[in-house]
């Protein structure tokens, strides 16, 4: 993981600072002309490709818990606030 982060950061340069009142932000710019495919899939992508399955943890169910099984080669990114449909009721993710 450390090497992946170091490699990704090595191709990033800092853009000109953007200032507003007491906030300064520096844009992170990638190498021009280099397309990078994300090393993860979004939940929608993984579900559409049939690599990820969302199920309840037991027959009795547990409202705050679901089981997410990823059979794909890439990790799945589940964003905070994303709605998970199915099981006994729909749920909203509260932690990325």
PDB file of N, CA and C in Angstrom:
ATOM      1  N   UNK A   1       0.831  -1.192   0.000  1.00  0.00           N
ATOM      2  CA  UNK A   1       0.000   0.000   0.000  1.00  0.00           C
ATOM      3  C   UNK A   1       0.874   1.255   0.000  1.00  0.00           C
ATOM      4  N   UNK A   2       1.943   1.246   0.821  1.00  0.00           N
ATOM      5  CA  UNK A   2       2.830   2.412   0.867  1.00  0.00           C
ATOM      6  C   UNK A   2       3.419   2.699  -0.511  1.00  0.00           C
ATOM      7  N   UNK A   3       3.847   1.638  -1.207  1.00  0.00           N
ATOM      8  CA  UNK A   3       4.441   1.828  -2.531  1.00  0.00           C
ATOM      9  C   UNK A   3       3.422   2.370  -3.514  1.00  0.00           C
ATOM     10  N   UNK A   4       2.169   1.923  -3.429  1.00  0.00           N
ATOM     11  CA  UNK A   4       1.120   2.416  -4.324  1.00  0.00           C
ATOM     12  C   UNK A   4       0.902   3.904  -4.120  1.00  0.00           C
ATOM     13  N   UNK A   5       0.853   4.316  -2.874  1.00  0.00           N
ATOM     14  CA  UNK A   5       0.636   5.732  -2.562  1.00  0.00           C
ATOM     15  C   UNK A   5       1.829   6.554  -3.023  1.00  0.00           C
ATOM     16  N   UNK A   6       3.029   6.080  -2.743  1.00  0.00           N
ATOM     17  CA  UNK A   6       4.237   6.804  -3.156  1.00  0.00           C
ATOM     18  C   UNK A   6       4.292   6.928  -4.674  1.00  0.00           C
ATOM     19  N   UNK A   7       3.940   5.863  -5.381  1.00  0.00           N
ATOM     20  CA  UNK A   7       3.943   5.899  -6.849  1.00  0.00           C
ATOM     21  C   UNK A   7       2.914   6.905  -7.363  1.00  0.00           C
ATOM     22  N   UNK A   8       1.721   6.886  -6.785  1.00  0.00           N
ATOM     23  CA  UNK A   8       0.669   7.820  -7.216  1.00  0.00           C
ATOM     24  C   UNK A   8       1.081   9.263  -6.946  1.00  0.00           C
ATOM     25  N   UNK A   9       1.670   9.512  -5.790  1.00  0.00           N
ATOM     26  CA  UNK A   9       2.071  10.873  -5.435  1.00  0.00           C
ATOM     27  C   UNK A   9       3.238  11.372  -6.279  1.00  0.00           C
ATOM     28  N   UNK A  10       4.069  10.469  -6.778  1.00  0.00           N
ATOM     29  CA  UNK A  10       5.238  10.898  -7.552  1.00  0.00           C
ATOM     30  C   UNK A  10       4.848  11.552  -8.877  1.00  0.00           C
ATOM     31  N   UNK A  11       3.649  11.272  -9.380  1.00  0.00           N
ATOM     32  CA  UNK A  11       3.234  11.859 -10.658  1.00  0.00           C
ATOM     33  C   UNK A  11       2.300  13.051 -10.470  1.00  0.00           C
ATOM     34  N   UNK A  12       2.174  13.521  -9.250  1.00  0.00           N
ATOM     35  CA  UNK A  12       1.288  14.657  -8.959  1.00  0.00           C
ATOM     36  C   UNK A  12       2.125  15.905  -8.695  1.00  0.00           C
ATOM     37  N   UNK A  13       1.687  17.016  -9.283  1.00  0.00           N
ATOM     38  CA  UNK A  13       2.327  18.298  -8.994  1.00  0.00           C
ATOM     39  C   UNK A  13       1.296  19.226  -8.371  1.00  0.00           C
ATOM     40  N   UNK A  14       1.792  20.210  -7.653  1.00  0.00           N
ATOM     41  CA  UNK A  14       0.906  21.189  -7.024  1.00  0.00           C
ATOM     42  C   UNK A  14       0.638  22.333  -7.985  1.00  0.00           C
ATOM     43  N   UNK A  15      -0.627  22.699  -8.102  1.00  0.00           N
ATOM     44  CA  UNK A  15      -0.998  23.840  -8.928  1.00  0.00           C
ATOM     45  C   UNK A  15      -0.869  25.132  -8.144  1.00  0.00           C
ATOM     46  N   UNK A  16      -1.243  26.227  -8.771  1.00  0.00           N
ATOM     47  CA  UNK A  16      -1.192  27.527  -8.108  1.00  0.00           C
ATOM     48  C   UNK A  16      -2.222  27.588  -6.988  1.00  0.00           C
ATOM     49  N   UNK A  17      -1.854  28.192  -5.868  1.00  0.00           N
ATOM     50  CA  UNK A  17      -2.787  28.286  -4.744  1.00  0.00           C
ATOM     51  C   UNK A  17      -4.037  29.089  -5.121  1.00  0.00           C
ATOM     52  N   UNK A  18      -5.161  28.643  -4.610  1.00  0.00           N
ATOM     53  CA  UNK A  18      -6.430  29.353  -4.771  1.00  0.00           C
ATOM     54  C   UNK A  18      -6.816  29.832  -3.379  1.00  0.00           C
ATOM     55  N   UNK A  19      -7.038  31.143  -3.249  1.00  0.00           N
ATOM     56  CA  UNK A  19      -7.315  31.711  -1.923  1.00  0.00           C
ATOM     57  C   UNK A  19      -8.705  32.329  -1.881  1.00  0.00           C
ATOM     58  N   UNK A  20      -9.368  32.123  -0.757  1.00  0.00           N
ATOM     59  CA  UNK A  20     -10.637  32.781  -0.478  1.00  0.00           C
ATOM     60  C   UNK A  20     -10.669  33.061   1.013  1.00  0.00           C
ATOM     61  N   UNK A  21     -10.685  34.335   1.351  1.00  0.00           N
ATOM     62  CA  UNK A  21     -10.649  34.782   2.748  1.00  0.00           C
ATOM     63  C   UNK A  21      -9.503  34.086   3.472  1.00  0.00           C
ATOM     64  N   UNK A  22      -9.782  33.309   4.523  1.00  0.00           N
ATOM     65  CA  UNK A  22      -8.676  32.698   5.274  1.00  0.00           C
ATOM     66  C   UNK A  22      -8.424  31.241   4.860  1.00  0.00           C
ATOM     67  N   UNK A  23      -8.899  30.850   3.677  1.00  0.00           N
ATOM     68  CA  UNK A  23      -8.724  29.487   3.182  1.00  0.00           C
ATOM     69  C   UNK A  23      -7.826  29.499   1.943  1.00  0.00           C
ATOM     70  N   UNK A  24      -6.815  28.643   1.936  1.00  0.00           N
ATOM     71  CA  UNK A  24      -5.949  28.469   0.769  1.00  0.00           C
ATOM     72  C   UNK A  24      -5.969  27.000   0.378  1.00  0.00           C
ATOM     73  N   UNK A  25      -6.220  26.756  -0.903  1.00  0.00           N
ATOM     74  CA  UNK A  25      -6.239  25.379  -1.405  1.00  0.00           C
ATOM     75  C   UNK A  25      -5.236  25.251  -2.542  1.00  0.00           C
ATOM     76  N   UNK A  26      -4.548  24.119  -2.580  1.00  0.00           N
ATOM     77  CA  UNK A  26      -3.592  23.828  -3.641  1.00  0.00           C
ATOM     78  C   UNK A  26      -4.145  22.678  -4.479  1.00  0.00           C
ATOM     79  N   UNK A  27      -4.423  22.919  -5.761  1.00  0.00           N
ATOM     80  CA  UNK A  27      -4.916  21.818  -6.591  1.00  0.00           C
ATOM     81  C   UNK A  27      -3.821  20.787  -6.837  1.00  0.00           C
ATOM     82  N   UNK A  28      -4.212  19.524  -6.858  1.00  0.00           N
ATOM     83  CA  UNK A  28      -3.295  18.435  -7.175  1.00  0.00           C
ATOM     84  C   UNK A  28      -3.491  18.095  -8.646  1.00  0.00           C
ATOM     85  N   UNK A  29      -2.427  18.214  -9.428  1.00  0.00           N
ATOM     86  CA  UNK A  29      -2.508  18.021 -10.874  1.00  0.00           C
ATOM     87  C   UNK A  29      -1.764  16.756 -11.284  1.00  0.00           C
ATOM     88  N   UNK A  30      -2.434  15.919 -12.058  1.00  0.00           N
ATOM     89  CA  UNK A  30      -1.803  14.712 -12.575  1.00  0.00           C
ATOM     90  C   UNK A  30      -1.002  15.028 -13.820  1.00  0.00           C
ATOM     91  N   UNK A  31      -0.249  14.059 -14.288  1.00  0.00           N
ATOM     92  CA  UNK A  31       0.549  14.221 -15.495  1.00  0.00           C
ATOM     93  C   UNK A  31      -0.377  14.356 -16.701  1.00  0.00           C
ATOM     94  N   UNK A  32      -0.231  15.438 -17.492  1.00  0.00           N
ATOM     95  CA  UNK A  32      -1.099  15.621 -18.661  1.00  0.00           C
ATOM     96  C   UNK A  32      -0.961  14.474 -19.657  1.00  0.00           C
ATOM     97  N   UNK A  33      -2.085  14.063 -20.220  1.00  0.00           N
ATOM     98  CA  UNK A  33      -2.080  13.018 -21.236  1.00  0.00           C
ATOM     99  C   UNK A  33      -2.021  11.602 -20.700  1.00  0.00           C
ATOM    100  N   UNK A  34      -1.907  11.453 -19.399  1.00  0.00           N
ATOM    101  CA  UNK A  34      -1.842  10.109 -18.818  1.00  0.00           C
ATOM    102  C   UNK A  34      -3.202   9.791 -18.206  1.00  0.00           C
ATOM    103  N   UNK A  35      -3.882   8.824 -18.801  1.00  0.00           N
ATOM    104  CA  UNK A  35      -5.182   8.391 -18.276  1.00  0.00           C
ATOM    105  C   UNK A  35      -4.924   7.340 -17.207  1.00  0.00           C
ATOM    106  N   UNK A  36      -5.565   7.495 -16.083  1.00  0.00           N
ATOM    107  CA  UNK A  36      -5.422   6.516 -15.008  1.00  0.00           C
ATOM    108  C   UNK A  36      -6.780   5.895 -14.723  1.00  0.00           C
ATOM    109  N   UNK A  37      -6.797   4.598 -14.731  1.00  0.00           N
ATOM    110  CA  UNK A  37      -8.009   3.885 -14.373  1.00  0.00           C
ATOM    111  C   UNK A  37      -7.990   3.705 -12.859  1.00  0.00           C
ATOM    112  N   UNK A  38      -9.108   3.950 -12.178  1.00  0.00           N
ATOM    113  CA  UNK A  38      -9.103   3.779 -10.725  1.00  0.00           C
ATOM    114  C   UNK A  38      -8.763   2.335 -10.350  1.00  0.00           C
ATOM    115  N   UNK A  39      -8.107   2.168  -9.219  1.00  0.00           N
ATOM    116  CA  UNK A  39      -7.745   0.828  -8.772  1.00  0.00           C
ATOM    117  C   UNK A  39      -8.888   0.182  -7.993  1.00  0.00           C
ATOM    118  N   UNK A  40     -10.057   0.811  -8.014  1.00  0.00           N
ATOM    119  CA  UNK A  40     -11.224   0.276  -7.314  1.00  0.00           C
ATOM    120  C   UNK A  40     -12.447   0.411  -8.215  1.00  0.00           C
ATOM    121  N   UNK A  41     -13.520  -0.262  -7.841  1.00  0.00           N
ATOM    122  CA  UNK A  41     -14.811  -0.123  -8.508  1.00  0.00           C
ATOM    123  C   UNK A  41     -15.775   0.561  -7.553  1.00  0.00           C
ATOM    124  N   UNK A  42     -16.696   1.324  -8.090  1.00  0.00           N
ATOM    125  CA  UNK A  42     -17.768   1.840  -7.244  1.00  0.00           C
ATOM    126  C   UNK A  42     -18.725   0.682  -6.979  1.00  0.00           C
ATOM    127  N   UNK A  43     -19.567   0.828  -5.975  1.00  0.00           N
ATOM    128  CA  UNK A  43     -20.522  -0.225  -5.659  1.00  0.00           C
ATOM    129  C   UNK A  43     -21.433  -0.503  -6.852  1.00  0.00           C
ATOM    130  N   UNK A  44     -21.911   0.547  -7.513  1.00  0.00           N
ATOM    131  CA  UNK A  44     -22.782   0.367  -8.681  1.00  0.00           C
ATOM    132  C   UNK A  44     -22.090  -0.435  -9.783  1.00  0.00           C
ATOM    133  N   UNK A  45     -20.813  -0.136 -10.045  1.00  0.00           N
ATOM    134  CA  UNK A  45     -20.068  -0.864 -11.075  1.00  0.00           C
ATOM    135  C   UNK A  45     -19.914  -2.338 -10.699  1.00  0.00           C
ATOM    136  N   UNK A  46     -19.558  -2.591  -9.445  1.00  0.00           N
ATOM    137  CA  UNK A  46     -19.345  -3.968  -8.989  1.00  0.00           C
ATOM    138  C   UNK A  46     -20.642  -4.774  -9.020  1.00  0.00           C
ATOM    139  N   UNK A  47     -21.755  -4.148  -8.624  1.00  0.00           N
ATOM    140  CA  UNK A  47     -23.049  -4.835  -8.665  1.00  0.00           C
ATOM    141  C   UNK A  47     -23.464  -5.114 -10.108  1.00  0.00           C
ATOM    142  N   UNK A  48     -23.272  -4.142 -10.997  1.00  0.00           N
ATOM    143  CA  UNK A  48     -23.660  -4.297 -12.402  1.00  0.00           C
ATOM    144  C   UNK A  48     -22.874  -5.423 -13.077  1.00  0.00           C
ATOM    145  N   UNK A  49     -21.626  -5.609 -12.673  1.00  0.00           N
ATOM    146  CA  UNK A  49     -20.795  -6.655 -13.272  1.00  0.00           C
ATOM    147  C   UNK A  49     -20.994  -8.012 -12.592  1.00  0.00           C
ATOM    148  N   UNK A  50     -21.811  -8.030 -11.526  1.00  0.00           N
ATOM    149  CA  UNK A  50     -22.102  -9.285 -10.838  1.00  0.00           C
ATOM    150  C   UNK A  50     -20.995  -9.770  -9.925  1.00  0.00           C
ATOM    151  N   UNK A  51     -20.045  -8.910  -9.599  1.00  0.00           N
ATOM    152  CA  UNK A  51     -18.921  -9.310  -8.759  1.00  0.00           C
ATOM    153  C   UNK A  51     -19.181  -9.105  -7.276  1.00  0.00           C
ATOM    154  N   UNK A  52     -20.179  -8.324  -6.944  1.00  0.00           N
ATOM    155  CA  UNK A  52     -20.451  -8.010  -5.546  1.00  0.00           C
ATOM    156  C   UNK A  52     -21.886  -8.374  -5.212  1.00  0.00           C
ATOM    157  N   UNK A  53     -22.064  -8.906  -4.015  1.00  0.00           N
ATOM    158  CA  UNK A  53     -23.388  -9.297  -3.556  1.00  0.00           C
ATOM    159  C   UNK A  53     -23.602  -8.733  -2.152  1.00  0.00           C
ATOM    160  N   UNK A  54     -24.789  -8.186  -1.915  1.00  0.00           N
ATOM    161  CA  UNK A  54     -25.138  -7.655  -0.599  1.00  0.00           C
ATOM    162  C   UNK A  54     -26.235  -8.537  -0.022  1.00  0.00           C
ATOM    163  N   UNK A  55     -25.980  -9.096   1.165  1.00  0.00           N
ATOM    164  CA  UNK A  55     -26.951  -9.976   1.812  1.00  0.00           C
ATOM    165  C   UNK A  55     -27.066  -9.624   3.288  1.00  0.00           C
ATOM    166  N   UNK A  56     -28.124 -10.128   3.926  1.00  0.00           N
ATOM    167  CA  UNK A  56     -28.247  -9.946   5.376  1.00  0.00           C
ATOM    168  C   UNK A  56     -27.265 -10.888   6.062  1.00  0.00           C
ATOM    169  N   UNK A  57     -26.903 -10.600   7.307  1.00  0.00           N
ATOM    170  CA  UNK A  57     -25.884 -11.387   7.996  1.00  0.00           C
ATOM    171  C   UNK A  57     -26.417 -12.716   8.507  1.00  0.00           C
ATOM    172  N   UNK A  58     -27.728 -12.827   8.718  1.00  0.00           N
ATOM    173  CA  UNK A  58     -28.331 -14.077   9.178  1.00  0.00           C
ATOM    174  C   UNK A  58     -29.785 -14.118   8.738  1.00  0.00           C
ATOM    175  N   UNK A  59     -30.427 -15.254   8.906  1.00  0.00           N
ATOM    176  CA  UNK A  59     -31.844 -15.373   8.540  1.00  0.00           C
ATOM    177  C   UNK A  59     -32.711 -14.436   9.369  1.00  0.00           C
ATOM    178  N   UNK A  60     -32.359 -14.248  10.640  1.00  0.00           N
ATOM    179  CA  UNK A  60     -33.114 -13.340  11.496  1.00  0.00           C
ATOM    180  C   UNK A  60     -32.878 -11.895  11.086  1.00  0.00           C
ATOM    181  N   UNK A  61     -31.740 -11.652  10.495  1.00  0.00           N
ATOM    182  CA  UNK A  61     -31.396 -10.298  10.065  1.00  0.00           C
ATOM    183  C   UNK A  61     -30.900  -9.452  11.218  1.00  0.00           C
ATOM    184  N   UNK A  62     -30.214  -8.419  10.879  1.00  0.00           N
ATOM    185  CA  UNK A  62     -29.717  -7.442  11.844  1.00  0.00           C
ATOM    186  C   UNK A  62     -29.783  -6.102  11.138  1.00  0.00           C
ATOM    187  N   UNK A  63     -30.642  -5.228  11.629  1.00  0.00           N
ATOM    188  CA  UNK A  63     -30.894  -3.966  10.924  1.00  0.00           C
ATOM    189  C   UNK A  63     -29.618  -3.177  10.641  1.00  0.00           C
ATOM    190  N   UNK A  64     -28.695  -3.005  11.607  1.00  0.00           N
ATOM    191  CA  UNK A  64     -27.533  -2.162  11.300  1.00  0.00           C
ATOM    192  C   UNK A  64     -26.419  -2.867  10.522  1.00  0.00           C
ATOM    193  N   UNK A  65     -26.604  -4.151  10.170  1.00  0.00           N
ATOM    194  CA  UNK A  65     -25.508  -4.881   9.534  1.00  0.00           C
ATOM    195  C   UNK A  65     -25.943  -5.562   8.244  1.00  0.00           C
ATOM    196  N   UNK A  66     -25.060  -5.558   7.275  1.00  0.00           N
ATOM    197  CA  UNK A  66     -25.211  -6.309   6.031  1.00  0.00           C
ATOM    198  C   UNK A  66     -23.874  -6.957   5.709  1.00  0.00           C
ATOM    199  N   UNK A  67     -23.900  -7.983   4.893  1.00  0.00           N
ATOM    200  CA  UNK A  67     -22.667  -8.625   4.446  1.00  0.00           C
ATOM    201  C   UNK A  67     -22.458  -8.244   2.979  1.00  0.00           C
ATOM    202  N   UNK A  68     -21.280  -7.748   2.676  1.00  0.00           N
ATOM    203  CA  UNK A  68     -20.923  -7.422   1.296  1.00  0.00           C
ATOM    204  C   UNK A  68     -19.824  -8.386   0.875  1.00  0.00           C
ATOM    205  N   UNK A  69     -20.110  -9.195  -0.140  1.00  0.00           N
ATOM    206  CA  UNK A  69     -19.134 -10.156  -0.658  1.00  0.00           C
ATOM    207  C   UNK A  69     -18.627  -9.651  -2.001  1.00  0.00           C
ATOM    208  N   UNK A  70     -17.315  -9.511  -2.106  1.00  0.00           N
ATOM    209  CA  UNK A  70     -16.696  -9.041  -3.344  1.00  0.00           C
ATOM    210  C   UNK A  70     -15.924 -10.197  -3.966  1.00  0.00           C
ATOM    211  N   UNK A  71     -16.368 -10.651  -5.125  1.00  0.00           N
ATOM    212  CA  UNK A  71     -15.698 -11.750  -5.820  1.00  0.00           C
ATOM    213  C   UNK A  71     -14.835 -11.242  -6.970  1.00  0.00           C
ATOM    214  N   UNK A  72     -14.738  -9.938  -7.107  1.00  0.00           N
ATOM    215  CA  UNK A  72     -13.943  -9.337  -8.169  1.00  0.00           C
ATOM    216  C   UNK A  72     -12.489  -9.184  -7.770  1.00  0.00           C
ATOM    217  N   UNK A  73     -11.672  -8.797  -8.736  1.00  0.00           N
ATOM    218  CA  UNK A  73     -10.237  -8.626  -8.504  1.00  0.00           C
ATOM    219  C   UNK A  73      -9.905  -7.273  -7.881  1.00  0.00           C
ATOM    220  N   UNK A  74     -10.789  -6.288  -8.061  1.00  0.00           N
ATOM    221  CA  UNK A  74     -10.527  -4.950  -7.533  1.00  0.00           C
ATOM    222  C   UNK A  74     -11.344  -4.715  -6.264  1.00  0.00           C
ATOM    223  N   UNK A  75     -10.829  -3.881  -5.354  1.00  0.00           N
ATOM    224  CA  UNK A  75     -11.631  -3.514  -4.183  1.00  0.00           C
ATOM    225  C   UNK A  75     -12.842  -2.687  -4.603  1.00  0.00           C
ATOM    226  N   UNK A  76     -13.863  -2.689  -3.752  1.00  0.00           N
ATOM    227  CA  UNK A  76     -15.093  -1.941  -4.026  1.00  0.00           C
ATOM    228  C   UNK A  76     -15.166  -0.770  -3.058  1.00  0.00           C
ATOM    229  N   UNK A  77     -15.393   0.420  -3.606  1.00  0.00           N
ATOM    230  CA  UNK A  77     -15.516   1.637  -2.807  1.00  0.00           C
ATOM    231  C   UNK A  77     -16.999   1.899  -2.564  1.00  0.00           C
ATOM    232  N   UNK A  78     -17.404   1.891  -1.288  1.00  0.00           N
ATOM    233  CA  UNK A  78     -18.791   2.165  -0.916  1.00  0.00           C
ATOM    234  C   UNK A  78     -18.790   3.499  -0.185  1.00  0.00           C
ATOM    235  N   UNK A  79     -19.388   4.488  -0.805  1.00  0.00           N
ATOM    236  CA  UNK A  79     -19.345   5.860  -0.311  1.00  0.00           C
ATOM    237  C   UNK A  79     -20.353   6.099   0.804  1.00  0.00           C
ATOM    238  N   UNK A  80     -19.944   6.855   1.800  1.00  0.00           N
ATOM    239  CA  UNK A  80     -20.828   7.283   2.881  1.00  0.00           C
ATOM    240  C   UNK A  80     -22.063   7.953   2.286  1.00  0.00           C
ATOM    241  N   UNK A  81     -23.243   7.549   2.729  1.00  0.00           N
ATOM    242  CA  UNK A  81     -24.482   8.128   2.227  1.00  0.00           C
ATOM    243  C   UNK A  81     -25.102   7.335   1.089  1.00  0.00           C
ATOM    244  N   UNK A  82     -24.378   6.336   0.583  1.00  0.00           N
ATOM    245  CA  UNK A  82     -24.905   5.514  -0.506  1.00  0.00           C
ATOM    246  C   UNK A  82     -26.018   4.611   0.028  1.00  0.00           C
ATOM    247  N   UNK A  83     -27.083   4.462  -0.758  1.00  0.00           N
ATOM    248  CA  UNK A  83     -28.216   3.644  -0.329  1.00  0.00           C
ATOM    249  C   UNK A  83     -28.018   2.206  -0.784  1.00  0.00           C
ATOM    250  N   UNK A  84     -28.182   1.276   0.167  1.00  0.00           N
ATOM    251  CA  UNK A  84     -28.084  -0.146  -0.130  1.00  0.00           C
ATOM    252  C   UNK A  84     -29.500  -0.704  -0.162  1.00  0.00           C
ATOM    253  N   UNK A  85     -29.898  -1.224  -1.306  1.00  0.00           N
ATOM    254  CA  UNK A  85     -31.268  -1.690  -1.491  1.00  0.00           C
ATOM    255  C   UNK A  85     -31.354  -3.195  -1.292  1.00  0.00           C
ATOM    256  N   UNK A  86     -32.448  -3.629  -0.665  1.00  0.00           N
ATOM    257  CA  UNK A  86     -32.695  -5.053  -0.542  1.00  0.00           C
ATOM    258  C   UNK A  86     -32.682  -5.532   0.886  1.00  0.00           C
ATOM    259  N   UNK A  87     -32.520  -6.866   1.030  1.00  0.00           N
ATOM    260  CA  UNK A  87     -32.642  -7.556   2.309  1.00  0.00           C
ATOM    261  C   UNK A  87     -34.026  -7.239   2.884  1.00  0.00           C
ATOM    262  N   UNK A  88     -34.158  -7.084   4.190  1.00  0.00           N
ATOM    263  CA  UNK A  88     -35.480  -6.811   4.763  1.00  0.00           C
ATOM    264  C   UNK A  88     -35.874  -5.350   4.630  1.00  0.00           C
ATOM    265  N   UNK A  89     -34.880  -4.475   4.526  1.00  0.00           N
ATOM    266  CA  UNK A  89     -35.170  -3.049   4.348  1.00  0.00           C
ATOM    267  C   UNK A  89     -33.964  -2.366   3.729  1.00  0.00           C
ATOM    268  N   UNK A  90     -34.181  -1.227   3.129  1.00  0.00           N
ATOM    269  CA  UNK A  90     -33.086  -0.455   2.553  1.00  0.00           C
ATOM    270  C   UNK A  90     -32.308   0.221   3.671  1.00  0.00           C
ATOM    271  N   UNK A  91     -31.024   0.433   3.436  1.00  0.00           N
ATOM    272  CA  UNK A  91     -30.164   1.069   4.431  1.00  0.00           C
ATOM    273  C   UNK A  91     -29.288   2.110   3.745  1.00  0.00           C
ATOM    274  N   UNK A  92     -28.736   3.017   4.549  1.00  0.00           N
ATOM    275  CA  UNK A  92     -27.817   4.031   4.044  1.00  0.00           C
ATOM    276  C   UNK A  92     -26.483   3.835   4.752  1.00  0.00           C
ATOM    277  N   UNK A  93     -25.412   3.798   3.975  1.00  0.00           N
ATOM    278  CA  UNK A  93     -24.067   3.619   4.527  1.00  0.00           C
ATOM    279  C   UNK A  93     -23.705   4.858   5.335  1.00  0.00           C
ATOM    280  N   UNK A  94     -23.164   4.649   6.539  1.00  0.00           N
ATOM    281  CA  UNK A  94     -22.789   5.798   7.359  1.00  0.00           C
ATOM    282  C   UNK A  94     -21.295   5.863   7.630  1.00  0.00           C
ATOM    283  N   UNK A  95     -20.511   5.091   6.882  1.00  0.00           N
ATOM    284  CA  UNK A  95     -19.060   5.129   7.041  1.00  0.00           C
ATOM    285  C   UNK A  95     -18.430   4.648   5.746  1.00  0.00           C
ATOM    286  N   UNK A  96     -17.513   5.440   5.184  1.00  0.00           N
ATOM    287  CA  UNK A  96     -16.850   5.043   3.945  1.00  0.00           C
ATOM    288  C   UNK A  96     -15.700   4.122   4.269  1.00  0.00           C
TER     289      UNK A  96
END
